[in-house]
Amino acid sequence: QIAFLEKFYETTLEVLAGAKNDRLWFSTTIKLCKICFESKDYVKMQKILKKLHKSCEGSEGQEDAKKGTQLQEICALEIQLCTEQKNHKKLKELYSRSMQIKSAIPHPRIM
């Protein structure tokens, strides 16, 4: 069942690539990332997280302050990954980085 959902989201992302709908692409990619976490496919999850980070970058390569909510969702997934892998060093770094996000409205499930 997880393999079917993963294939479904990947196919949806291929279609969305040409649609220029960033919000829908982002939410679909987040769902795919959560499926990878549930199936313990951490390598694929890290690749997806890199894509998500890249989508939140501004023109100069820095994190876009306007995308605080999206950055917070990415940080939440990274914190789950680091907790599962027991990577305490990166977990401390993620915590301090997530506390610097100012313009975010936290989703009730994240906080």
C-alpha atoms as a PDB file:
ATOM      1  CA  GLN A   1       0.000   0.000   0.000  1.00  0.00           C
ATOM      2  CA  ILE A   2       2.852   2.406   0.788  1.00  0.00           C
ATOM      3  CA  ALA A   3       4.511   1.570  -2.525  1.00  0.00           C
ATOM      4  CA  PHE A   4       1.277   2.448  -4.335  1.00  0.00           C
ATOM      5  CA  LEU A   5       1.005   5.794  -2.520  1.00  0.00           C
ATOM      6  CA  GLU A   6       4.647   6.566  -3.265  1.00  0.00           C
ATOM      7  CA  LYS A   7       4.126   5.851  -6.978  1.00  0.00           C
ATOM      8  CA  PHE A   8       0.917   7.917  -6.940  1.00  0.00           C
ATOM      9  CA  TYR A   9       2.651  10.965  -5.454  1.00  0.00           C
ATOM     10  CA  GLU A  10       5.629  10.640  -7.800  1.00  0.00           C
ATOM     11  CA  THR A  11       3.277  10.546 -10.804  1.00  0.00           C
ATOM     12  CA  THR A  12       1.369  13.541  -9.443  1.00  0.00           C
ATOM     13  CA  LEU A  13       4.647  15.454  -9.036  1.00  0.00           C
ATOM     14  CA  GLU A  14       5.588  14.738 -12.654  1.00  0.00           C
ATOM     15  CA  VAL A  15       2.289  16.254 -13.794  1.00  0.00           C
ATOM     16  CA  LEU A  16       2.667  19.222 -11.444  1.00  0.00           C
ATOM     17  CA  ALA A  17       6.138  20.030 -12.792  1.00  0.00           C
ATOM     18  CA  GLY A  18       4.595  21.754 -15.789  1.00  0.00           C
ATOM     19  CA  ALA A  19       1.615  23.239 -13.944  1.00  0.00           C
ATOM     20  CA  LYS A  20       3.535  26.020 -12.142  1.00  0.00           C
ATOM     21  CA  ASN A  21       1.481  25.528  -8.954  1.00  0.00           C
ATOM     22  CA  ASP A  22       4.106  25.866  -6.228  1.00  0.00           C
ATOM     23  CA  ARG A  23       1.820  25.340  -3.241  1.00  0.00           C
ATOM     24  CA  LEU A  24       0.352  22.134  -4.601  1.00  0.00           C
ATOM     25  CA  TRP A  25       3.811  20.884  -5.592  1.00  0.00           C
ATOM     26  CA  PHE A  26       5.119  21.668  -2.106  1.00  0.00           C
ATOM     27  CA  SER A  27       2.278  19.946  -0.243  1.00  0.00           C
ATOM     28  CA  THR A  28       2.479  16.872  -2.501  1.00  0.00           C
ATOM     29  CA  THR A  29       6.238  16.675  -2.017  1.00  0.00           C
ATOM     30  CA  ILE A  30       5.803  16.951   1.765  1.00  0.00           C
ATOM     31  CA  LYS A  31       3.350  14.030   1.666  1.00  0.00           C
ATOM     32  CA  LEU A  32       5.803  11.973  -0.404  1.00  0.00           C
ATOM     33  CA  CYS A  33       8.526  12.785   2.120  1.00  0.00           C
ATOM     34  CA  LYS A  34       6.297  11.589   4.977  1.00  0.00           C
ATOM     35  CA  ILE A  35       5.650   8.333   3.116  1.00  0.00           C
ATOM     36  CA  CYS A  36       9.405   7.825   2.714  1.00  0.00           C
ATOM     37  CA  PHE A  37       9.787   8.394   6.455  1.00  0.00           C
ATOM     38  CA  GLU A  38       7.083   5.823   7.249  1.00  0.00           C
ATOM     39  CA  SER A  39       8.702   3.271   4.937  1.00  0.00           C
ATOM     40  CA  LYS A  40      12.135   4.093   6.450  1.00  0.00           C
ATOM     41  CA  ASP A  41      13.580   5.099   3.066  1.00  0.00           C
ATOM     42  CA  TYR A  42      15.836   7.741   4.597  1.00  0.00           C
ATOM     43  CA  VAL A  43      18.116   8.197   1.580  1.00  0.00           C
ATOM     44  CA  LYS A  44      15.192   9.093  -0.652  1.00  0.00           C
ATOM     45  CA  MET A  45      13.763  11.287   2.109  1.00  0.00           C
ATOM     46  CA  GLN A  46      17.001  13.287   2.311  1.00  0.00           C
ATOM     47  CA  LYS A  47      16.951  13.844  -1.455  1.00  0.00           C
ATOM     48  CA  ILE A  48      13.371  15.100  -1.246  1.00  0.00           C
ATOM     49  CA  LEU A  49      14.276  17.393   1.658  1.00  0.00           C
ATOM     50  CA  LYS A  50      17.057  18.911  -0.446  1.00  0.00           C
ATOM     51  CA  LYS A  51      14.543  19.647  -3.212  1.00  0.00           C
ATOM     52  CA  LEU A  52      12.198  21.217  -0.685  1.00  0.00           C
ATOM     53  CA  HIS A  53      14.984  23.418   0.689  1.00  0.00           C
ATOM     54  CA  LYS A  54      15.897  24.493  -2.814  1.00  0.00           C
ATOM     55  CA  SER A  55      12.283  25.512  -3.468  1.00  0.00           C
ATOM     56  CA  CYS A  56      12.408  27.815  -0.429  1.00  0.00           C
ATOM     57  CA  GLU A  57      15.543  29.652  -1.529  1.00  0.00           C
ATOM     58  CA  GLY A  58      15.429  33.197  -2.781  1.00  0.00           C
ATOM     59  CA  SER A  59      17.268  34.555  -5.802  1.00  0.00           C
ATOM     60  CA  GLU A  60      20.577  34.843  -3.896  1.00  0.00           C
ATOM     61  CA  GLY A  61      20.541  31.280  -2.578  1.00  0.00           C
ATOM     62  CA  GLN A  62      19.437  32.287   0.939  1.00  0.00           C
ATOM     63  CA  GLU A  63      16.291  31.057   2.635  1.00  0.00           C
ATOM     64  CA  ASP A  64      13.318  33.181   1.610  1.00  0.00           C
ATOM     65  CA  ALA A  65      11.802  34.818   4.717  1.00  0.00           C
ATOM     66  CA  LYS A  66       8.384  34.851   3.052  1.00  0.00           C
ATOM     67  CA  LYS A  67       8.283  31.053   3.087  1.00  0.00           C
ATOM     68  CA  GLY A  68       8.541  30.658   6.849  1.00  0.00           C
ATOM     69  CA  THR A  69       5.672  28.206   7.171  1.00  0.00           C
ATOM     70  CA  GLN A  70       7.137  25.959   4.485  1.00  0.00           C
ATOM     71  CA  LEU A  71      10.583  26.147   6.101  1.00  0.00           C
ATOM     72  CA  GLN A  72       9.032  25.171   9.406  1.00  0.00           C
ATOM     73  CA  GLU A  73       7.393  22.112   7.836  1.00  0.00           C
ATOM     74  CA  ILE A  74      10.738  21.090   6.315  1.00  0.00           C
ATOM     75  CA  CYS A  75      12.482  21.535   9.672  1.00  0.00           C
ATOM     76  CA  ALA A  76       9.814  19.381  11.358  1.00  0.00           C
ATOM     77  CA  LEU A  77      10.492  16.549   8.904  1.00  0.00           C
ATOM     78  CA  GLU A  78      14.253  16.907   9.335  1.00  0.00           C
ATOM     79  CA  ILE A  79      13.872  16.802  13.114  1.00  0.00           C
ATOM     80  CA  GLN A  80      11.848  13.580  12.811  1.00  0.00           C
ATOM     81  CA  LEU A  81      14.551  12.102  10.573  1.00  0.00           C
ATOM     82  CA  CYS A  82      17.396  13.084  12.902  1.00  0.00           C
ATOM     83  CA  THR A  83      15.508  11.780  15.921  1.00  0.00           C
ATOM     84  CA  GLU A  84      14.941   8.445  14.184  1.00  0.00           C
ATOM     85  CA  GLN A  85      18.597   8.222  13.153  1.00  0.00           C
ATOM     86  CA  LYS A  86      19.795   9.476  16.568  1.00  0.00           C
ATOM     87  CA  ASN A  87      21.826  12.268  14.952  1.00  0.00           C
ATOM     88  CA  HIS A  88      22.005  14.560  17.984  1.00  0.00           C
ATOM     89  CA  LYS A  89      24.556  16.983  16.534  1.00  0.00           C
ATOM     90  CA  LYS A  90      22.366  17.852  13.546  1.00  0.00           C
ATOM     91  CA  LEU A  91      19.297  17.863  15.787  1.00  0.00           C
ATOM     92  CA  LYS A  92      20.772  20.717  17.856  1.00  0.00           C
ATOM     93  CA  GLU A  93      21.583  22.615  14.652  1.00  0.00           C
ATOM     94  CA  LEU A  94      18.033  22.117  13.347  1.00  0.00           C
ATOM     95  CA  TYR A  95      16.537  23.294  16.606  1.00  0.00           C
ATOM     96  CA  SER A  96      18.472  26.550  16.553  1.00  0.00           C
ATOM     97  CA  ARG A  97      17.681  27.057  12.861  1.00  0.00           C
ATOM     98  CA  SER A  98      13.977  26.422  13.412  1.00  0.00           C
ATOM     99  CA  MET A  99      13.900  28.960  16.242  1.00  0.00           C
ATOM    100  CA  GLN A 100      15.215  31.625  13.830  1.00  0.00           C
ATOM    101  CA  ILE A 101      12.211  31.281  11.515  1.00  0.00           C
ATOM    102  CA  LYS A 102      10.113  34.353  12.246  1.00  0.00           C
ATOM    103  CA  SER A 103       7.385  34.711   9.653  1.00  0.00           C
ATOM    104  CA  ALA A 104       5.807  31.307  10.099  1.00  0.00           C
ATOM    105  CA  ILE A 105       2.322  30.390  11.175  1.00  0.00           C
ATOM    106  CA  PRO A 106       2.765  26.974  12.764  1.00  0.00           C
ATOM    107  CA  HIS A 107       0.431  24.207  11.718  1.00  0.00           C
ATOM    108  CA  PRO A 108      -1.293  22.634  14.753  1.00  0.00           C
ATOM    109  CA  ARG A 109       0.076  19.172  13.904  1.00  0.00           C
ATOM    110  CA  ILE A 110       3.680  20.423  13.812  1.00  0.00           C
ATOM    111  CA  MET A 111       3.760  22.270  17.121  1.00  0.00           C
END
